[in-house]
Structure formats: C-alpha cells, structure tokens
PDB file of N, CA and C in Angstrom:
ATOM      1  N   UNK A   1      95.396 114.458  74.010  1.00  0.00           N
ATOM      2  CA  UNK A   1      95.817 114.687  75.389  1.00  0.00           C
ATOM      3  C   UNK A   1      95.822 116.203  75.658  1.00  0.00           C
ATOM      4  N   UNK A   2      95.226 116.648  76.761  1.00  0.00           N
ATOM      5  CA  UNK A   2      95.191 118.086  77.064  1.00  0.00           C
ATOM      6  C   UNK A   2      96.583 118.631  77.345  1.00  0.00           C
ATOM      7  N   UNK A   3      96.778 119.871  76.934  1.00  0.00           N
ATOM      8  CA  UNK A   3      98.068 120.518  77.175  1.00  0.00           C
ATOM      9  C   UNK A   3      98.122 121.044  78.598  1.00  0.00           C
ATOM     10  N   UNK A   4      99.300 120.946  79.174  1.00  0.00           N
ATOM     11  CA  UNK A   4      99.493 121.487  80.522  1.00  0.00           C
ATOM     12  C   UNK A   4      99.612 122.992  80.458  1.00  0.00           C
ATOM     13  N   UNK A   5      99.127 123.624  81.480  1.00  0.00           N
ATOM     14  CA  UNK A   5      99.237 125.071  81.592  1.00  0.00           C
ATOM     15  C   UNK A   5     100.699 125.413  81.863  1.00  0.00           C
ATOM     16  N   UNK A   6     101.235 126.358  81.109  1.00  0.00           N
ATOM     17  CA  UNK A   6     102.627 126.740  81.294  1.00  0.00           C
ATOM     18  C   UNK A   6     102.784 127.539  82.583  1.00  0.00           C
ATOM     19  N   UNK A   7     103.782 127.177  83.351  1.00  0.00           N
ATOM     20  CA  UNK A   7     104.019 127.836  84.636  1.00  0.00           C
ATOM     21  C   UNK A   7     104.530 129.256  84.421  1.00  0.00           C
ATOM     22  N   UNK A   8     104.060 130.156  85.256  1.00  0.00           N
ATOM     23  CA  UNK A   8     104.519 131.545  85.231  1.00  0.00           C
ATOM     24  C   UNK A   8     105.667 131.660  86.219  1.00  0.00           C
ATOM     25  N   UNK A   9     106.741 132.296  85.806  1.00  0.00           N
ATOM     26  CA  UNK A   9     107.879 132.482  86.706  1.00  0.00           C
ATOM     27  C   UNK A   9     107.519 133.517  87.762  1.00  0.00           C
ATOM     28  N   UNK A  10     107.962 133.276  88.970  1.00  0.00           N
ATOM     29  CA  UNK A  10     107.713 134.216  90.058  1.00  0.00           C
ATOM     30  C   UNK A  10     108.784 135.297  90.002  1.00  0.00           C
ATOM     31  N   UNK A  11     108.363 136.536  89.858  1.00  0.00           N
ATOM     32  CA  UNK A  11     109.307 137.646  89.725  1.00  0.00           C
ATOM     33  C   UNK A  11     109.860 138.043  91.093  1.00  0.00           C
ATOM     34  N   UNK A  12     110.958 138.762  91.058  1.00  0.00           N
ATOM     35  CA  UNK A  12     111.551 139.284  92.287  1.00  0.00           C
ATOM     36  C   UNK A  12     110.538 140.182  92.989  1.00  0.00           C
ATOM     37  N   UNK A  13     109.793 140.941  92.206  1.00  0.00           N
ATOM     38  CA  UNK A  13     108.766 141.829  92.768  1.00  0.00           C
ATOM     39  C   UNK A  13     107.705 141.019  93.518  1.00  0.00           C
ATOM     40  N   UNK A  14     107.295 139.865  92.943  1.00  0.00           N
ATOM     41  CA  UNK A  14     106.321 139.000  93.618  1.00  0.00           C
ATOM     42  C   UNK A  14     106.892 138.447  94.923  1.00  0.00           C
ATOM     43  N   UNK A  15     108.147 138.038  94.897  1.00  0.00           N
ATOM     44  CA  UNK A  15     108.779 137.483  96.098  1.00  0.00           C
ATOM     45  C   UNK A  15     108.856 138.550  97.189  1.00  0.00           C
ATOM     46  N   UNK A  16     109.220 139.767  96.816  1.00  0.00           N
ATOM     47  CA  UNK A  16     109.248 140.864  97.785  1.00  0.00           C
ATOM     48  C   UNK A  16     107.854 141.111  98.352  1.00  0.00           C
ATOM     49  N   UNK A  17     106.855 141.053  97.490  1.00  0.00           N
ATOM     50  CA  UNK A  17     105.476 141.270  97.936  1.00  0.00           C
ATOM     51  C   UNK A  17     105.033 140.170  98.888  1.00  0.00           C
ATOM     52  N   UNK A  18     105.414 138.925  98.604  1.00  0.00           N
ATOM     53  CA  UNK A  18     105.073 137.807  99.495  1.00  0.00           C
ATOM     54  C   UNK A  18     105.614 138.086 100.892  1.00  0.00           C
ATOM     55  N   UNK A  19     106.876 138.455 100.965  1.00  0.00           N
ATOM     56  CA  UNK A  19     107.505 138.710 102.266  1.00  0.00           C
ATOM     57  C   UNK A  19     106.874 139.911 102.964  1.00  0.00           C
ATOM     58  N   UNK A  20     106.618 140.969 102.218  1.00  0.00           N
ATOM     59  CA  UNK A  20     106.026 142.180 102.798  1.00  0.00           C
ATOM     60  C   UNK A  20     104.614 141.907 103.315  1.00  0.00           C
ATOM     61  N   UNK A  21     103.811 141.229 102.515  1.00  0.00           N
ATOM     62  CA  UNK A  21     102.422 140.981 102.901  1.00  0.00           C
ATOM     63  C   UNK A  21     102.314 140.060 104.112  1.00  0.00           C
ATOM     64  N   UNK A  22     103.203 139.071 104.197  1.00  0.00           N
ATOM     65  CA  UNK A  22     103.116 138.148 105.335  1.00  0.00           C
ATOM     66  C   UNK A  22     103.714 138.750 106.597  1.00  0.00           C
ATOM     67  N   UNK A  23     104.842 139.430 106.468  1.00  0.00           N
ATOM     68  CA  UNK A  23     105.530 139.916 107.666  1.00  0.00           C
ATOM     69  C   UNK A  23     105.055 141.286 108.131  1.00  0.00           C
ATOM     70  N   UNK A  24     104.847 142.202 107.213  1.00  0.00           N
ATOM     71  CA  UNK A  24     104.452 143.558 107.607  1.00  0.00           C
ATOM     72  C   UNK A  24     102.948 143.698 107.796  1.00  0.00           C
ATOM     73  N   UNK A  25     102.175 143.013 106.944  1.00  0.00           N
ATOM     74  CA  UNK A  25     100.722 143.164 107.017  1.00  0.00           C
ATOM     75  C   UNK A  25     100.038 141.984 107.692  1.00  0.00           C
ATOM     76  N   UNK A  26     100.802 140.927 107.970  1.00  0.00           N
ATOM     77  CA  UNK A  26     100.255 139.795 108.703  1.00  0.00           C
ATOM     78  C   UNK A  26      99.233 138.956 107.947  1.00  0.00           C
ATOM     79  N   UNK A  27      99.286 138.982 106.610  1.00  0.00           N
ATOM     80  CA  UNK A  27      98.328 138.194 105.836  1.00  0.00           C
ATOM     81  C   UNK A  27      98.693 136.713 105.858  1.00  0.00           C
ATOM     82  N   UNK A  28      97.697 135.875 105.705  1.00  0.00           N
ATOM     83  CA  UNK A  28      97.912 134.428 105.650  1.00  0.00           C
ATOM     84  C   UNK A  28      98.402 134.031 104.258  1.00  0.00           C
ATOM     85  N   UNK A  29      98.879 132.801 104.148  1.00  0.00           N
ATOM     86  CA  UNK A  29      99.315 132.272 102.857  1.00  0.00           C
ATOM     87  C   UNK A  29      98.166 132.353 101.854  1.00  0.00           C
ATOM     88  N   UNK A  30      96.976 131.991 102.283  1.00  0.00           N
ATOM     89  CA  UNK A  30      95.806 132.024 101.392  1.00  0.00           C
ATOM     90  C   UNK A  30      95.521 133.447 100.922  1.00  0.00           C
ATOM     91  N   UNK A  31      95.578 134.399 101.843  1.00  0.00           N
ATOM     92  CA  UNK A  31      95.303 135.795 101.494  1.00  0.00           C
ATOM     93  C   UNK A  31      96.344 136.351 100.518  1.00  0.00           C
ATOM     94  N   UNK A  32      97.612 136.023 100.749  1.00  0.00           N
ATOM     95  CA  UNK A  32      98.678 136.467  99.847  1.00  0.00           C
ATOM     96  C   UNK A  32      98.479 135.839  98.470  1.00  0.00           C
ATOM     97  N   UNK A  33      98.165 134.561  98.461  1.00  0.00           N
ATOM     98  CA  UNK A  33      97.930 133.836  97.214  1.00  0.00           C
ATOM     99  C   UNK A  33      96.816 134.483  96.397  1.00  0.00           C
ATOM    100  N   UNK A  34      95.732 134.798  97.046  1.00  0.00           N
ATOM    101  CA  UNK A  34      94.599 135.423  96.354  1.00  0.00           C
ATOM    102  C   UNK A  34      94.953 136.823  95.861  1.00  0.00           C
ATOM    103  N   UNK A  35      95.649 137.582  96.674  1.00  0.00           N
ATOM    104  CA  UNK A  35      95.976 138.961  96.309  1.00  0.00           C
ATOM    105  C   UNK A  35      96.944 139.017  95.124  1.00  0.00           C
ATOM    106  N   UNK A  36      97.942 138.109  95.112  1.00  0.00           N
ATOM    107  CA  UNK A  36      98.951 138.134  94.049  1.00  0.00           C
ATOM    108  C   UNK A  36      98.600 137.226  92.874  1.00  0.00           C
ATOM    109  N   UNK A  37      97.519 136.454  93.018  1.00  0.00           N
ATOM    110  CA  UNK A  37      97.087 135.511  91.982  1.00  0.00           C
ATOM    111  C   UNK A  37      98.168 134.482  91.659  1.00  0.00           C
ATOM    112  N   UNK A  38      98.749 133.925  92.724  1.00  0.00           N
ATOM    113  CA  UNK A  38      99.700 132.826  92.597  1.00  0.00           C
ATOM    114  C   UNK A  38      99.263 131.731  93.556  1.00  0.00           C
ATOM    115  N   UNK A  39      99.785 130.525  93.361  1.00  0.00           N
ATOM    116  CA  UNK A  39      99.321 129.399  94.168  1.00  0.00           C
ATOM    117  C   UNK A  39      99.788 129.502  95.622  1.00  0.00           C
ATOM    118  N   UNK A  40      99.034 128.849  96.490  1.00  0.00           N
ATOM    119  CA  UNK A  40      99.415 128.796  97.909  1.00  0.00           C
ATOM    120  C   UNK A  40     100.743 128.063  98.056  1.00  0.00           C
ATOM    121  N   UNK A  41     100.972 127.062  97.206  1.00  0.00           N
ATOM    122  CA  UNK A  41     102.229 126.316  97.254  1.00  0.00           C
ATOM    123  C   UNK A  41     103.411 127.230  96.956  1.00  0.00           C
ATOM    124  N   UNK A  42     103.269 128.103  95.978  1.00  0.00           N
ATOM    125  CA  UNK A  42     104.341 129.039  95.632  1.00  0.00           C
ATOM    126  C   UNK A  42     104.627 129.984  96.791  1.00  0.00           C
ATOM    127  N   UNK A  43     103.583 130.512  97.393  1.00  0.00           N
ATOM    128  CA  UNK A  43     103.757 131.408  98.547  1.00  0.00           C
ATOM    129  C   UNK A  43     104.486 130.668  99.663  1.00  0.00           C
ATOM    130  N   UNK A  44     104.033 129.475  99.982  1.00  0.00           N
ATOM    131  CA  UNK A  44     104.646 128.684 101.055  1.00  0.00           C
ATOM    132  C   UNK A  44     106.102 128.370 100.756  1.00  0.00           C
ATOM    133  N   UNK A  45     106.397 128.040  99.504  1.00  0.00           N
ATOM    134  CA  UNK A  45     107.770 127.710  99.110  1.00  0.00           C
ATOM    135  C   UNK A  45     108.701 128.893  99.336  1.00  0.00           C
ATOM    136  N   UNK A  46     108.280 130.078  98.921  1.00  0.00           N
ATOM    137  CA  UNK A  46     109.147 131.246  99.088  1.00  0.00           C
ATOM    138  C   UNK A  46     109.276 131.669 100.544  1.00  0.00           C
ATOM    139  N   UNK A  47     108.244 131.465 101.331  1.00  0.00           N
ATOM    140  CA  UNK A  47     108.358 131.745 102.765  1.00  0.00           C
ATOM    141  C   UNK A  47     109.340 130.778 103.420  1.00  0.00           C
ATOM    142  N   UNK A  48     109.292 129.506 103.024  1.00  0.00           N
ATOM    143  CA  UNK A  48     110.223 128.513 103.554  1.00  0.00           C
ATOM    144  C   UNK A  48     111.655 128.864 103.161  1.00  0.00           C
ATOM    145  N   UNK A  49     111.857 129.220 101.902  1.00  0.00           N
ATOM    146  CA  UNK A  49     113.204 129.584 101.437  1.00  0.00           C
ATOM    147  C   UNK A  49     113.737 130.807 102.186  1.00  0.00           C
ATOM    148  N   UNK A  50     112.879 131.777 102.426  1.00  0.00           N
ATOM    149  CA  UNK A  50     113.299 132.972 103.165  1.00  0.00           C
ATOM    150  C   UNK A  50     113.682 132.610 104.594  1.00  0.00           C
ATOM    151  N   UNK A  51     112.871 131.753 105.221  1.00  0.00           N
ATOM    152  CA  UNK A  51     113.143 131.316 106.594  1.00  0.00           C
ATOM    153  C   UNK A  51     114.477 130.572 106.654  1.00  0.00           C
ATOM    154  N   UNK A  52     114.715 129.673 105.685  1.00  0.00           N
ATOM    155  CA  UNK A  52     115.969 128.907 105.656  1.00  0.00           C
ATOM    156  C   UNK A  52     117.177 129.811 105.430  1.00  0.00           C
ATOM    157  N   UNK A  53     116.968 130.925 104.711  1.00  0.00           N
ATOM    158  CA  UNK A  53     118.050 131.872 104.443  1.00  0.00           C
ATOM    159  C   UNK A  53     118.248 132.855 105.594  1.00  0.00           C
ATOM    160  N   UNK A  54     117.389 132.758 106.612  1.00  0.00           N
ATOM    161  CA  UNK A  54     117.510 133.629 107.766  1.00  0.00           C
ATOM    162  C   UNK A  54     116.902 135.007 107.564  1.00  0.00           C
ATOM    163  N   UNK A  55     116.008 135.128 106.602  1.00  0.00           N
ATOM    164  CA  UNK A  55     115.363 136.429 106.348  1.00  0.00           C
ATOM    165  C   UNK A  55     114.131 136.600 107.192  1.00  0.00           C
TER     166      UNK A  55
END
C-alpha cells in the first residue's frame, strides 16, 4: 500500500503571507497557492478563519 504524503504544517509566516497577498496585493486563491507552494484548500481555509475572526 502506498504511503501517504505527510502534511506540512502551515507556519504563522505563511498565514501572514496569505492574508497580505490576498488583501494588500489582491491575488487570487490560486495565485497565492502557487506562490507559497501550498494547496488552494489551505489558502481558502485560512481566509475563511480570518473572515470568521473579523480580520
């Protein structure tokens, strides 16, 4: 059975970059994902969490 790829933890620095790139630079989820080399799902999740927290 193939081994699953181990998930990389998203650092605080990555989360800050997600918020900065989307809000200050106006990049899309796809563009942020490609630039930071993380999944679109991860980017979307952190944007949702920030929105729910009122950030």
